Structures are given as structure tokens and as C-alpha cells.
Amino acid sequence: MAMFSAILLVPLYLQSGYTTLAQALASMTFMTLGGKFFDKWGARPLAVVGLTLVSTALFLLSQITVDTEIVRIVLALILMGAGMGLTMMPLNTHILNSAPRRLVNRVTPLTSATQQVVSSFAIAGLTGYLTSRINEHMLEPASAGNVLVGSASGFGDTLFLAACIAVAAVLLSVFLRKPRIKPCEEVAVD
């Protein structure tokens, strides 16, 4: 949920999608590294480091204002992409390695479907929260009806919520265990 928030919110805030190219390139680069590091260290250290990068990036993005330089936003997006790259592939591989061999063909589509459902909830939940925060900020005297200031404050609040969710994910990733290696089970042939 936290990872998809920047993919949704930053282009919406900037009214431009080209800025997220830096995030995509960083994700692609670190996904390759994540695969190599997974073989050495497993999923837990990569998830902790990757989700910490995501949390940091979201916190940095939550501090944006109307006057924030684009370079600061791009650097935060690079951090976000690096964290996503280090986290997503190792966690997916960890899930597949944890499943009994006979159920892998069911786990793969279930994992994909779960990601789709969570991203849908993230989009619905975060846009609802964003709307309510923008409306709240528009009523404050500091905004004085200034749509840009109210919007920036609402986006900041929403990205801070996403950062909190990412911190919770970091804490949960500490409890990841290596999958138990079981002797190969014979698959019944119909």
C-alpha cells in the first residue's frame, strides 16, 4: 500500500508523470541487485533495508510544499525506487519458496491477485484521505483559500500516512523467517 502511494500521489501532485521515470529506473536497477543479494542473504535484510528506504522517501515526500524544488522530489523518488527494487522481488521469491511445491501454481496467481486488491484499496483509501485533508486545509486560515497551499498540505498529510504504513511494514519484515526446506513431496498424477 505504501509503495503504490507514491506511484499514485506524486504524478497527481505534480500534474506530470515524467518525474516518476527516475523512480522506475532506480527500481529496475535495484531489482537486479535485489535478486543477487537475495541469493546471499535471503529476504529479511533486503525487506528491512528496502522498506526503510521507502519509508524515508515517503517521509521526505510528505515534507513537500508549493516551493519545493523538483530535485528534492526526484531524489526522494530515486530512494523510493531503490527501496521498491530491493523489496518486491525478494519478497515475492520468499513467498514462492515458502509454499509447498505442489501449491506453487496456486500461490503465484493468488499473490498477484492480492497485490491488485491491495493496490485498489490503497488508491481508494488514500485518495479519500487526500480529499478530506485538502478540504480540511482549505478551511484553515493559513491557507486562506489558496488552493495550492491547501493541496500541498493535503498531499503532505497523505504521504505521511503512507510513510507510517511503510514503517509498520519495516517492523513486520523483521519477523520474516527463512522457509523450511522440506523433502520433495511426490506429486500425484491423475
N, C-alpha and C. Protein backbone atom coordinates (compact mmCIF):
# COMPACT_ATOMS: atom_id res chain seq x y z
N MET A 1 0.83 -1.19 0.00
CA MET A 1 0.00 0.00 0.00
C MET A 1 0.87 1.25 0.00
N ALA A 2 1.91 1.23 0.82
CA ALA A 2 2.79 2.39 0.91
C ALA A 2 3.56 2.59 -0.39
N MET A 3 3.99 1.50 -0.99
CA MET A 3 4.77 1.62 -2.23
C MET A 3 3.95 2.19 -3.37
N PHE A 4 2.70 1.80 -3.46
CA PHE A 4 1.88 2.29 -4.55
C PHE A 4 1.43 3.73 -4.34
N SER A 5 1.56 4.22 -3.12
CA SER A 5 1.10 5.59 -2.84
C SER A 5 1.88 6.63 -3.63
N ALA A 6 3.19 6.47 -3.70
CA ALA A 6 3.98 7.46 -4.45
C ALA A 6 3.71 7.36 -5.94
N ILE A 7 3.47 6.14 -6.41
CA ILE A 7 3.17 5.97 -7.83
C ILE A 7 1.89 6.70 -8.20
N LEU A 8 0.95 6.75 -7.27
CA LEU A 8 -0.32 7.44 -7.50
C LEU A 8 -0.23 8.93 -7.18
N LEU A 9 0.30 9.26 -6.01
CA LEU A 9 0.18 10.61 -5.49
C LEU A 9 1.15 11.62 -6.11
N VAL A 10 2.39 11.23 -6.37
CA VAL A 10 3.36 12.20 -6.87
C VAL A 10 2.98 12.73 -8.25
N PRO A 11 2.65 11.89 -9.22
CA PRO A 11 2.23 12.46 -10.51
C PRO A 11 0.95 13.31 -10.39
N LEU A 12 0.08 12.91 -9.48
CA LEU A 12 -1.14 13.67 -9.26
C LEU A 12 -0.81 15.06 -8.69
N TYR A 13 0.12 15.09 -7.74
CA TYR A 13 0.52 16.36 -7.14
C TYR A 13 1.23 17.25 -8.15
N LEU A 14 2.15 16.67 -8.90
CA LEU A 14 2.94 17.46 -9.86
C LEU A 14 2.21 17.72 -11.16
N GLN A 15 1.10 17.01 -11.36
CA GLN A 15 0.36 17.10 -12.62
C GLN A 15 1.25 16.72 -13.80
N SER A 16 2.15 15.76 -13.54
CA SER A 16 3.08 15.29 -14.56
C SER A 16 3.57 13.92 -14.16
N GLY A 17 3.71 13.04 -15.12
CA GLY A 17 4.18 11.69 -14.83
C GLY A 17 5.64 11.46 -15.17
N TYR A 18 6.24 12.36 -15.93
CA TYR A 18 7.62 12.12 -16.36
C TYR A 18 8.60 12.10 -15.19
N THR A 19 8.27 12.74 -14.11
CA THR A 19 9.15 12.79 -12.94
C THR A 19 9.36 11.40 -12.35
N THR A 20 8.38 10.54 -12.49
CA THR A 20 8.48 9.21 -11.91
C THR A 20 9.41 8.28 -12.72
N LEU A 21 9.94 8.77 -13.83
CA LEU A 21 10.90 7.98 -14.60
C LEU A 21 12.12 7.64 -13.74
N ALA A 22 12.55 8.58 -12.91
CA ALA A 22 13.69 8.33 -12.02
C ALA A 22 13.39 7.18 -11.07
N GLN A 23 12.16 7.12 -10.58
CA GLN A 23 11.76 6.04 -9.68
C GLN A 23 11.78 4.70 -10.41
N ALA A 24 11.28 4.68 -11.63
CA ALA A 24 11.25 3.44 -12.40
C ALA A 24 12.66 2.95 -12.72
N LEU A 25 13.55 3.86 -13.09
CA LEU A 25 14.92 3.46 -13.41
C LEU A 25 15.65 2.94 -12.17
N ALA A 26 15.45 3.61 -11.04
CA ALA A 26 16.07 3.14 -9.79
C ALA A 26 15.51 1.78 -9.40
N SER A 27 14.22 1.59 -9.56
CA SER A 27 13.59 0.31 -9.23
C SER A 27 14.17 -0.80 -10.11
N MET A 28 14.30 -0.52 -11.39
CA MET A 28 14.84 -1.52 -12.32
C MET A 28 16.28 -1.89 -11.94
N THR A 29 17.08 -0.90 -11.62
CA THR A 29 18.47 -1.14 -11.26
C THR A 29 18.58 -1.94 -9.97
N PHE A 30 17.83 -1.54 -8.95
CA PHE A 30 17.93 -2.21 -7.66
C PHE A 30 17.20 -3.55 -7.64
N MET A 31 16.30 -3.78 -8.56
CA MET A 31 15.65 -5.09 -8.64
C MET A 31 16.69 -6.15 -9.04
N THR A 32 17.57 -5.77 -9.95
CA THR A 32 18.64 -6.68 -10.35
C THR A 32 19.56 -6.97 -9.17
N LEU A 33 19.92 -5.93 -8.43
CA LEU A 33 20.77 -6.12 -7.25
C LEU A 33 20.04 -6.93 -6.18
N GLY A 34 18.75 -6.68 -6.02
CA GLY A 34 17.96 -7.40 -5.04
C GLY A 34 17.96 -8.90 -5.29
N GLY A 35 17.89 -9.28 -6.57
CA GLY A 35 17.93 -10.70 -6.91
C GLY A 35 19.26 -11.34 -6.53
N LYS A 36 20.35 -10.62 -6.78
CA LYS A 36 21.67 -11.14 -6.42
C LYS A 36 21.85 -11.22 -4.91
N PHE A 37 21.42 -10.18 -4.21
CA PHE A 37 21.56 -10.16 -2.76
C PHE A 37 20.64 -11.17 -2.09
N PHE A 38 19.50 -11.46 -2.70
CA PHE A 38 18.58 -12.45 -2.13
C PHE A 38 19.27 -13.81 -2.02
N ASP A 39 20.03 -14.17 -3.05
CA ASP A 39 20.73 -15.46 -3.03
C ASP A 39 21.73 -15.54 -1.89
N LYS A 40 22.33 -14.41 -1.51
CA LYS A 40 23.33 -14.40 -0.44
C LYS A 40 22.70 -14.30 0.94
N TRP A 41 21.71 -13.41 1.10
CA TRP A 41 21.26 -13.05 2.43
C TRP A 41 19.80 -13.41 2.73
N GLY A 42 19.02 -13.73 1.73
CA GLY A 42 17.61 -14.02 1.97
C GLY A 42 16.76 -12.74 1.92
N ALA A 43 15.51 -12.88 2.25
CA ALA A 43 14.55 -11.78 2.09
C ALA A 43 14.57 -10.77 3.22
N ARG A 44 14.82 -11.21 4.44
CA ARG A 44 14.68 -10.30 5.59
C ARG A 44 15.55 -9.05 5.50
N PRO A 45 16.88 -9.16 5.31
CA PRO A 45 17.67 -7.93 5.28
C PRO A 45 17.29 -7.01 4.12
N LEU A 46 16.94 -7.60 3.00
CA LEU A 46 16.54 -6.78 1.85
C LEU A 46 15.22 -6.08 2.10
N ALA A 47 14.29 -6.78 2.75
CA ALA A 47 13.00 -6.17 3.06
C ALA A 47 13.17 -5.04 4.07
N VAL A 48 14.00 -5.26 5.08
CA VAL A 48 14.22 -4.23 6.09
C VAL A 48 14.86 -2.99 5.45
N VAL A 49 15.93 -3.21 4.68
CA VAL A 49 16.61 -2.07 4.05
C VAL A 49 15.71 -1.41 3.02
N GLY A 50 15.09 -2.20 2.17
CA GLY A 50 14.23 -1.64 1.12
C GLY A 50 13.06 -0.87 1.67
N LEU A 51 12.39 -1.43 2.66
CA LEU A 51 11.24 -0.73 3.24
C LEU A 51 11.66 0.48 4.06
N THR A 52 12.86 0.45 4.60
CA THR A 52 13.39 1.64 5.28
C THR A 52 13.62 2.76 4.27
N LEU A 53 14.14 2.40 3.10
CA LEU A 53 14.31 3.40 2.03
C LEU A 53 12.96 3.96 1.58
N VAL A 54 11.97 3.08 1.45
CA VAL A 54 10.62 3.51 1.07
C VAL A 54 10.05 4.45 2.13
N SER A 55 10.20 4.08 3.40
CA SER A 55 9.70 4.93 4.50
C SER A 55 10.37 6.30 4.48
N THR A 56 11.68 6.30 4.30
CA THR A 56 12.42 7.56 4.26
C THR A 56 11.97 8.42 3.09
N ALA A 57 11.82 7.80 1.93
CA ALA A 57 11.39 8.54 0.75
C ALA A 57 10.00 9.13 0.95
N LEU A 58 9.09 8.34 1.51
CA LEU A 58 7.74 8.84 1.75
C LEU A 58 7.73 9.98 2.77
N PHE A 59 8.58 9.86 3.80
CA PHE A 59 8.68 10.94 4.77
C PHE A 59 9.21 12.21 4.10
N LEU A 60 10.22 12.08 3.26
CA LEU A 60 10.76 13.24 2.53
C LEU A 60 9.69 13.85 1.63
N LEU A 61 8.93 12.99 0.96
CA LEU A 61 7.87 13.49 0.08
C LEU A 61 6.75 14.15 0.87
N SER A 62 6.55 13.71 2.11
CA SER A 62 5.48 14.31 2.92
C SER A 62 5.82 15.74 3.33
N GLN A 63 7.07 16.13 3.18
CA GLN A 63 7.51 17.47 3.56
C GLN A 63 7.43 18.47 2.40
N ILE A 64 6.90 18.05 1.26
CA ILE A 64 6.87 18.95 0.11
C ILE A 64 5.90 20.10 0.35
N THR A 65 6.27 21.21 -0.22
CA THR A 65 5.43 22.40 -0.16
C THR A 65 5.29 22.93 -1.58
N VAL A 66 4.61 24.03 -1.71
CA VAL A 66 4.45 24.66 -3.02
C VAL A 66 5.81 25.06 -3.60
N ASP A 67 6.76 25.40 -2.74
CA ASP A 67 8.06 25.89 -3.18
C ASP A 67 9.15 24.82 -3.26
N THR A 68 8.82 23.57 -3.02
CA THR A 68 9.82 22.51 -3.03
C THR A 68 10.44 22.37 -4.41
N GLU A 69 11.77 22.29 -4.44
CA GLU A 69 12.48 22.13 -5.71
C GLU A 69 12.25 20.73 -6.25
N ILE A 70 12.19 20.63 -7.56
CA ILE A 70 11.94 19.34 -8.22
C ILE A 70 13.07 18.35 -7.95
N VAL A 71 14.28 18.85 -7.74
CA VAL A 71 15.41 17.97 -7.47
C VAL A 71 15.19 17.18 -6.18
N ARG A 72 14.65 17.81 -5.15
CA ARG A 72 14.36 17.11 -3.89
C ARG A 72 13.32 16.02 -4.11
N ILE A 73 12.34 16.31 -4.93
CA ILE A 73 11.29 15.31 -5.20
C ILE A 73 11.88 14.14 -5.98
N VAL A 74 12.70 14.43 -6.98
CA VAL A 74 13.30 13.37 -7.79
C VAL A 74 14.23 12.50 -6.93
N LEU A 75 15.02 13.11 -6.05
CA LEU A 75 15.89 12.32 -5.17
C LEU A 75 15.07 11.40 -4.26
N ALA A 76 13.96 11.91 -3.75
CA ALA A 76 13.09 11.06 -2.92
C ALA A 76 12.51 9.92 -3.75
N LEU A 77 12.17 10.20 -5.00
CA LEU A 77 11.63 9.14 -5.87
C LEU A 77 12.69 8.10 -6.21
N ILE A 78 13.94 8.53 -6.34
CA ILE A 78 15.02 7.56 -6.57
C ILE A 78 15.17 6.65 -5.34
N LEU A 79 15.10 7.23 -4.15
CA LEU A 79 15.11 6.41 -2.93
C LEU A 79 13.95 5.43 -2.91
N MET A 80 12.78 5.91 -3.30
CA MET A 80 11.59 5.07 -3.34
C MET A 80 11.79 3.90 -4.32
N GLY A 81 12.29 4.21 -5.50
CA GLY A 81 12.53 3.17 -6.49
C GLY A 81 13.56 2.15 -6.03
N ALA A 82 14.62 2.64 -5.38
CA ALA A 82 15.64 1.73 -4.85
C ALA A 82 15.03 0.80 -3.80
N GLY A 83 14.23 1.36 -2.93
CA GLY A 83 13.58 0.53 -1.91
C GLY A 83 12.62 -0.48 -2.50
N MET A 84 11.87 -0.06 -3.50
CA MET A 84 10.94 -0.99 -4.15
C MET A 84 11.70 -2.12 -4.84
N GLY A 85 12.80 -1.75 -5.51
CA GLY A 85 13.60 -2.75 -6.21
C GLY A 85 14.20 -3.77 -5.26
N LEU A 86 14.66 -3.31 -4.11
CA LEU A 86 15.25 -4.22 -3.14
C LEU A 86 14.21 -5.08 -2.43
N THR A 87 12.97 -4.65 -2.42
CA THR A 87 11.95 -5.32 -1.62
C THR A 87 11.06 -6.27 -2.41
N MET A 88 10.55 -5.83 -3.54
CA MET A 88 9.46 -6.57 -4.19
C MET A 88 9.86 -7.95 -4.68
N MET A 89 10.93 -8.06 -5.45
CA MET A 89 11.31 -9.37 -5.99
C MET A 89 11.73 -10.34 -4.88
N PRO A 90 12.56 -9.91 -3.92
CA PRO A 90 12.91 -10.85 -2.84
C PRO A 90 11.69 -11.32 -2.03
N LEU A 91 10.74 -10.43 -1.77
CA LEU A 91 9.56 -10.87 -1.02
C LEU A 91 8.70 -11.84 -1.84
N ASN A 92 8.55 -11.57 -3.13
CA ASN A 92 7.78 -12.50 -3.97
C ASN A 92 8.47 -13.86 -4.04
N THR A 93 9.79 -13.86 -4.17
CA THR A 93 10.54 -15.11 -4.21
C THR A 93 10.44 -15.84 -2.87
N HIS A 94 10.49 -15.09 -1.79
CA HIS A 94 10.35 -15.68 -0.45
C HIS A 94 9.00 -16.37 -0.31
N ILE A 95 7.96 -15.73 -0.79
CA ILE A 95 6.62 -16.33 -0.73
C ILE A 95 6.58 -17.63 -1.51
N LEU A 96 7.14 -17.62 -2.72
CA LEU A 96 7.14 -18.84 -3.54
C LEU A 96 7.98 -19.94 -2.89
N ASN A 97 9.10 -19.57 -2.30
CA ASN A 97 9.94 -20.58 -1.63
C ASN A 97 9.28 -21.14 -0.38
N SER A 98 8.40 -20.37 0.23
CA SER A 98 7.73 -20.82 1.45
C SER A 98 6.56 -21.75 1.16
N ALA A 99 6.04 -21.69 -0.04
CA ALA A 99 4.88 -22.52 -0.39
C ALA A 99 5.31 -23.95 -0.69
N PRO A 100 4.46 -24.90 -0.31
CA PRO A 100 4.73 -26.28 -0.71
C PRO A 100 4.79 -26.37 -2.24
N ARG A 101 5.70 -27.18 -2.73
CA ARG A 101 5.95 -27.28 -4.17
C ARG A 101 4.66 -27.55 -4.97
N ARG A 102 3.80 -28.36 -4.43
CA ARG A 102 2.59 -28.73 -5.17
C ARG A 102 1.59 -27.56 -5.27
N LEU A 103 1.77 -26.51 -4.45
CA LEU A 103 0.84 -25.38 -4.46
C LEU A 103 1.39 -24.13 -5.14
N VAL A 104 2.59 -24.20 -5.67
CA VAL A 104 3.20 -23.02 -6.29
C VAL A 104 2.34 -22.48 -7.43
N ASN A 105 1.73 -23.37 -8.19
CA ASN A 105 0.88 -22.91 -9.30
C ASN A 105 -0.36 -22.16 -8.80
N ARG A 106 -0.72 -22.31 -7.55
CA ARG A 106 -1.84 -21.56 -6.98
C ARG A 106 -1.37 -20.30 -6.26
N VAL A 107 -0.17 -20.36 -5.69
CA VAL A 107 0.35 -19.24 -4.93
C VAL A 107 0.67 -18.05 -5.83
N THR A 108 1.21 -18.31 -7.01
CA THR A 108 1.59 -17.23 -7.91
C THR A 108 0.40 -16.35 -8.30
N PRO A 109 -0.70 -16.91 -8.81
CA PRO A 109 -1.83 -16.03 -9.13
C PRO A 109 -2.49 -15.42 -7.90
N LEU A 110 -2.45 -16.14 -6.77
CA LEU A 110 -3.02 -15.59 -5.54
C LEU A 110 -2.22 -14.38 -5.07
N THR A 111 -0.91 -14.45 -5.17
CA THR A 111 -0.05 -13.32 -4.80
C THR A 111 -0.33 -12.14 -5.72
N SER A 112 -0.44 -12.39 -7.00
CA SER A 112 -0.73 -11.32 -7.97
C SER A 112 -2.09 -10.69 -7.70
N ALA A 113 -3.08 -11.52 -7.44
CA ALA A 113 -4.43 -11.00 -7.15
C ALA A 113 -4.43 -10.18 -5.87
N THR A 114 -3.70 -10.64 -4.86
CA THR A 114 -3.62 -9.91 -3.59
C THR A 114 -3.00 -8.54 -3.81
N GLN A 115 -1.94 -8.48 -4.61
CA GLN A 115 -1.30 -7.19 -4.90
C GLN A 115 -2.28 -6.26 -5.61
N GLN A 116 -3.08 -6.79 -6.51
CA GLN A 116 -4.06 -5.96 -7.22
C GLN A 116 -5.12 -5.43 -6.26
N VAL A 117 -5.60 -6.28 -5.38
CA VAL A 117 -6.62 -5.87 -4.41
C VAL A 117 -6.06 -4.81 -3.46
N VAL A 118 -4.85 -5.04 -2.95
CA VAL A 118 -4.25 -4.08 -2.03
C VAL A 118 -4.01 -2.75 -2.73
N SER A 119 -3.54 -2.78 -3.98
CA SER A 119 -3.34 -1.51 -4.69
C SER A 119 -4.67 -0.80 -4.93
N SER A 120 -5.73 -1.54 -5.16
CA SER A 120 -7.05 -0.91 -5.30
C SER A 120 -7.50 -0.26 -4.00
N PHE A 121 -7.30 -0.95 -2.88
CA PHE A 121 -7.62 -0.37 -1.58
C PHE A 121 -6.74 0.84 -1.29
N ALA A 122 -5.48 0.75 -1.69
CA ALA A 122 -4.57 1.88 -1.48
C ALA A 122 -5.04 3.10 -2.24
N ILE A 123 -5.41 2.90 -3.48
CA ILE A 123 -5.87 4.02 -4.31
C ILE A 123 -7.15 4.61 -3.73
N ALA A 124 -8.10 3.75 -3.41
CA ALA A 124 -9.38 4.24 -2.86
C ALA A 124 -9.18 4.92 -1.51
N GLY A 125 -8.45 4.26 -0.63
CA GLY A 125 -8.26 4.80 0.71
C GLY A 125 -7.44 6.08 0.73
N LEU A 126 -6.36 6.09 -0.01
CA LEU A 126 -5.50 7.27 0.00
C LEU A 126 -6.12 8.46 -0.72
N THR A 127 -6.85 8.23 -1.80
CA THR A 127 -7.50 9.37 -2.46
C THR A 127 -8.63 9.92 -1.60
N GLY A 128 -9.33 9.06 -0.89
CA GLY A 128 -10.36 9.54 0.04
C GLY A 128 -9.74 10.36 1.16
N TYR A 129 -8.64 9.85 1.72
CA TYR A 129 -7.95 10.58 2.78
C TYR A 129 -7.38 11.89 2.24
N LEU A 130 -6.81 11.85 1.05
CA LEU A 130 -6.26 13.05 0.42
C LEU A 130 -7.33 14.12 0.26
N THR A 131 -8.48 13.73 -0.23
CA THR A 131 -9.58 14.68 -0.43
C THR A 131 -10.01 15.31 0.89
N SER A 132 -10.14 14.49 1.90
CA SER A 132 -10.56 15.03 3.20
C SER A 132 -9.51 15.97 3.78
N ARG A 133 -8.23 15.64 3.62
CA ARG A 133 -7.16 16.51 4.14
C ARG A 133 -7.08 17.82 3.37
N ILE A 134 -7.25 17.78 2.07
CA ILE A 134 -7.24 19.03 1.28
C ILE A 134 -8.40 19.91 1.72
N ASN A 135 -9.58 19.32 1.88
CA ASN A 135 -10.74 20.09 2.33
C ASN A 135 -10.50 20.71 3.70
N GLU A 136 -9.90 19.95 4.62
CA GLU A 136 -9.59 20.48 5.95
C GLU A 136 -8.61 21.66 5.85
N HIS A 137 -7.58 21.49 5.06
CA HIS A 137 -6.57 22.54 4.95
C HIS A 137 -7.11 23.79 4.24
N MET A 138 -8.06 23.60 3.37
CA MET A 138 -8.64 24.77 2.68
C MET A 138 -9.44 25.63 3.64
N LEU A 139 -9.90 25.06 4.75
CA LEU A 139 -10.67 25.82 5.74
C LEU A 139 -9.78 26.53 6.76
N GLU A 140 -8.50 26.19 6.80
CA GLU A 140 -7.59 26.80 7.76
C GLU A 140 -7.22 28.22 7.33
N PRO A 141 -7.03 29.12 8.29
CA PRO A 141 -6.65 30.48 7.97
C PRO A 141 -5.29 30.57 7.25
N ALA A 142 -4.38 29.62 7.53
CA ALA A 142 -3.06 29.66 6.89
C ALA A 142 -3.17 29.50 5.38
N SER A 143 -4.15 28.71 4.94
CA SER A 143 -4.34 28.53 3.50
C SER A 143 -5.09 29.69 2.89
N ALA A 144 -5.98 30.26 3.64
CA ALA A 144 -6.76 31.43 3.20
C ALA A 144 -7.32 31.24 1.80
N GLY A 145 -7.84 30.06 1.55
CA GLY A 145 -8.46 29.80 0.25
C GLY A 145 -7.47 29.54 -0.86
N ASN A 146 -6.18 29.50 -0.56
CA ASN A 146 -5.16 29.24 -1.56
C ASN A 146 -5.17 27.75 -1.88
N VAL A 147 -5.61 27.42 -3.07
CA VAL A 147 -5.76 26.02 -3.47
C VAL A 147 -4.41 25.30 -3.47
N LEU A 148 -3.36 25.97 -3.93
CA LEU A 148 -2.04 25.32 -3.99
C LEU A 148 -1.51 24.97 -2.60
N VAL A 149 -1.65 25.87 -1.66
CA VAL A 149 -1.16 25.62 -0.30
C VAL A 149 -1.99 24.52 0.36
N GLY A 150 -3.29 24.58 0.20
CA GLY A 150 -4.16 23.55 0.76
C GLY A 150 -3.90 22.18 0.15
N SER A 151 -3.68 22.14 -1.16
CA SER A 151 -3.39 20.87 -1.83
C SER A 151 -2.05 20.31 -1.38
N ALA A 152 -1.03 21.16 -1.32
CA ALA A 152 0.29 20.68 -0.89
C ALA A 152 0.23 20.12 0.53
N SER A 153 -0.49 20.78 1.40
CA SER A 153 -0.62 20.30 2.78
C SER A 153 -1.38 18.97 2.83
N GLY A 154 -2.42 18.84 2.03
CA GLY A 154 -3.18 17.59 1.97
C GLY A 154 -2.34 16.44 1.43
N PHE A 155 -1.55 16.72 0.39
CA PHE A 155 -0.66 15.68 -0.15
C PHE A 155 0.39 15.30 0.89
N GLY A 156 0.92 16.30 1.60
CA GLY A 156 1.90 16.02 2.64
C GLY A 156 1.34 15.11 3.73
N ASP A 157 0.12 15.39 4.16
CA ASP A 157 -0.52 14.55 5.19
C ASP A 157 -0.71 13.11 4.69
N THR A 158 -1.13 12.98 3.44
CA THR A 158 -1.39 11.66 2.88
C THR A 158 -0.10 10.87 2.71
N LEU A 159 0.95 11.53 2.25
CA LEU A 159 2.23 10.85 2.11
C LEU A 159 2.82 10.49 3.48
N PHE A 160 2.54 11.31 4.49
CA PHE A 160 2.99 10.97 5.85
C PHE A 160 2.28 9.71 6.34
N LEU A 161 0.99 9.60 6.06
CA LEU A 161 0.26 8.38 6.41
C LEU A 161 0.88 7.16 5.72
N ALA A 162 1.20 7.31 4.45
CA ALA A 162 1.85 6.22 3.71
C ALA A 162 3.20 5.88 4.33
N ALA A 163 3.93 6.90 4.78
CA ALA A 163 5.23 6.65 5.44
C ALA A 163 5.03 5.85 6.73
N CYS A 164 3.98 6.15 7.47
CA CYS A 164 3.68 5.40 8.70
C CYS A 164 3.35 3.94 8.38
N ILE A 165 2.62 3.72 7.31
CA ILE A 165 2.30 2.36 6.88
C ILE A 165 3.59 1.62 6.50
N ALA A 166 4.50 2.32 5.82
CA ALA A 166 5.77 1.71 5.43
C ALA A 166 6.62 1.37 6.66
N VAL A 167 6.59 2.21 7.68
CA VAL A 167 7.32 1.92 8.92
C VAL A 167 6.75 0.65 9.57
N ALA A 168 5.44 0.50 9.55
CA ALA A 168 4.82 -0.72 10.08
C ALA A 168 5.29 -1.94 9.28
N ALA A 169 5.44 -1.77 7.98
CA ALA A 169 5.93 -2.88 7.14
C ALA A 169 7.38 -3.22 7.48
N VAL A 170 8.20 -2.21 7.79
CA VAL A 170 9.58 -2.46 8.21
C VAL A 170 9.57 -3.32 9.48
N LEU A 171 8.73 -2.94 10.43
CA LEU A 171 8.67 -3.69 11.69
C LEU A 171 8.21 -5.13 11.45
N LEU A 172 7.25 -5.31 10.57
CA LEU A 172 6.78 -6.67 10.26
C LEU A 172 7.84 -7.49 9.53
N SER A 173 8.64 -6.83 8.70
CA SER A 173 9.65 -7.57 7.93
C SER A 173 10.75 -8.13 8.82
N VAL A 174 10.91 -7.58 10.00
CA VAL A 174 11.92 -8.11 10.94
C VAL A 174 11.58 -9.55 11.32
N PHE A 175 10.30 -9.91 11.26
CA PHE A 175 9.87 -11.24 11.68
C PHE A 175 9.89 -12.27 10.55
N LEU A 176 10.37 -11.90 9.37
CA LEU A 176 10.46 -12.87 8.28
C LEU A 176 11.44 -13.98 8.65
N ARG A 177 11.04 -15.20 8.39
CA ARG A 177 11.92 -16.34 8.64
C ARG A 177 12.26 -17.01 7.33
N LYS A 178 13.39 -17.68 7.32
CA LYS A 178 13.74 -18.44 6.13
C LYS A 178 12.76 -19.59 6.00
N PRO A 179 12.35 -19.90 4.76
CA PRO A 179 11.44 -21.02 4.58
C PRO A 179 12.11 -22.33 4.99
N ARG A 180 11.32 -23.19 5.58
CA ARG A 180 11.83 -24.51 5.95
C ARG A 180 11.95 -25.35 4.69
N ILE A 181 13.07 -25.97 4.54
CA ILE A 181 13.27 -26.84 3.38
C ILE A 181 12.71 -28.21 3.72
N LYS A 182 11.73 -28.62 2.94
CA LYS A 182 11.08 -29.90 3.18
C LYS A 182 11.53 -30.88 2.10
N PRO A 183 11.55 -32.15 2.43
CA PRO A 183 11.90 -33.11 1.38
C PRO A 183 10.84 -33.04 0.28
N CYS A 184 11.27 -33.29 -0.93
CA CYS A 184 10.35 -33.20 -2.06
C CYS A 184 9.20 -34.16 -1.87
N GLU A 185 8.01 -33.59 -2.05
CA GLU A 185 6.81 -34.42 -1.95
C GLU A 185 6.46 -34.94 -3.32
N GLU A 186 6.01 -36.15 -3.37
CA GLU A 186 5.64 -36.71 -4.65
C GLU A 186 4.31 -36.10 -5.07
N VAL A 187 4.24 -35.75 -6.33
CA VAL A 187 3.03 -35.16 -6.87
C VAL A 187 2.20 -36.27 -7.48
N ALA A 188 0.97 -36.35 -7.04
CA ALA A 188 0.07 -37.39 -7.59
C ALA A 188 -0.33 -37.01 -9.01
N VAL A 189 -0.23 -37.95 -9.91
CA VAL A 189 -0.61 -37.73 -11.30
C VAL A 189 -1.97 -38.36 -11.53
N ASP A 190 -2.88 -37.54 -12.04
CA ASP A 190 -4.24 -38.04 -12.28
C ASP A 190 -4.29 -38.89 -13.52
